[in-house]
Amino acid sequence: MLADGQDEIVIPLTYTDKAGNVFTKTFTLKRGGYAVNVGL
């Protein structure tokens, strides 16, 4: 849920594999929209 005056929220999803490699996907949700932007 977005706070009053907040237009977007950015949610990082991070995974570390057994070799220590770190992978992050970033999900961005914007107020008034249904699209989910995904960055690698």
C-alpha atoms as a PDB file:
ATOM      1  CA  MET A   1       0.000   0.000   0.000  1.00  0.00           C
ATOM      2  CA  LEU A   2       1.303   3.428  -0.919  1.00  0.00           C
ATOM      3  CA  ALA A   3       1.382   6.145   1.694  1.00  0.00           C
ATOM      4  CA  ASP A   4      -0.325   9.488   1.096  1.00  0.00           C
ATOM      5  CA  GLY A   5       1.803  11.501  -1.325  1.00  0.00           C
ATOM      6  CA  GLN A   6       3.795   8.443  -2.412  1.00  0.00           C
ATOM      7  CA  ASP A   7       3.508   7.766  -6.157  1.00  0.00           C
ATOM      8  CA  GLU A   8       5.519   4.567  -6.443  1.00  0.00           C
ATOM      9  CA  ILE A   9       7.078   1.776  -4.435  1.00  0.00           C
ATOM     10  CA  VAL A  10      10.258  -0.088  -5.346  1.00  0.00           C
ATOM     11  CA  ILE A  11      10.596  -3.658  -4.079  1.00  0.00           C
ATOM     12  CA  PRO A  12      13.968  -5.399  -4.453  1.00  0.00           C
ATOM     13  CA  LEU A  13      14.013  -9.210  -4.514  1.00  0.00           C
ATOM     14  CA  THR A  14      17.508 -10.558  -3.836  1.00  0.00           C
ATOM     15  CA  TYR A  15      18.812 -14.119  -4.102  1.00  0.00           C
ATOM     16  CA  THR A  16      22.286 -15.412  -3.276  1.00  0.00           C
ATOM     17  CA  ASP A  17      23.271 -18.769  -4.754  1.00  0.00           C
ATOM     18  CA  LYS A  18      25.627 -21.350  -3.219  1.00  0.00           C
ATOM     19  CA  ALA A  19      28.612 -19.848  -5.050  1.00  0.00           C
ATOM     20  CA  GLY A  20      27.962 -16.449  -3.468  1.00  0.00           C
ATOM     21  CA  ASN A  21      26.593 -14.796  -6.610  1.00  0.00           C
ATOM     22  CA  VAL A  22      23.941 -12.221  -5.799  1.00  0.00           C
ATOM     23  CA  PHE A  23      20.978 -11.667  -8.117  1.00  0.00           C
ATOM     24  CA  THR A  24      18.506  -8.829  -7.650  1.00  0.00           C
ATOM     25  CA  LYS A  25      15.252  -8.102  -9.459  1.00  0.00           C
ATOM     26  CA  THR A  26      13.572  -4.805  -8.734  1.00  0.00           C
ATOM     27  CA  PHE A  27       9.794  -4.481  -8.991  1.00  0.00           C
ATOM     28  CA  THR A  28       8.321  -0.987  -9.346  1.00  0.00           C
ATOM     29  CA  LEU A  29       4.620  -0.342  -8.729  1.00  0.00           C
ATOM     30  CA  LYS A  30       3.080   3.041  -9.546  1.00  0.00           C
ATOM     31  CA  ARG A  31      -0.053   4.619  -8.142  1.00  0.00           C
ATOM     32  CA  GLY A  32      -3.065   4.342 -10.447  1.00  0.00           C
ATOM     33  CA  GLY A  33      -1.500   1.678 -12.645  1.00  0.00           C
ATOM     34  CA  TYR A  34      -1.607  -2.072 -12.923  1.00  0.00           C
ATOM     35  CA  ALA A  35       1.698  -2.556 -14.730  1.00  0.00           C
ATOM     36  CA  VAL A  36       4.628  -3.973 -12.799  1.00  0.00           C
ATOM     37  CA  ASN A  37       8.002  -2.807 -14.090  1.00  0.00           C
ATOM     38  CA  VAL A  38      10.779  -5.351 -13.549  1.00  0.00           C
ATOM     39  CA  GLY A  39      14.443  -4.390 -13.674  1.00  0.00           C
ATOM     40  CA  LEU A  40      17.349  -6.813 -13.573  1.00  0.00           C
END
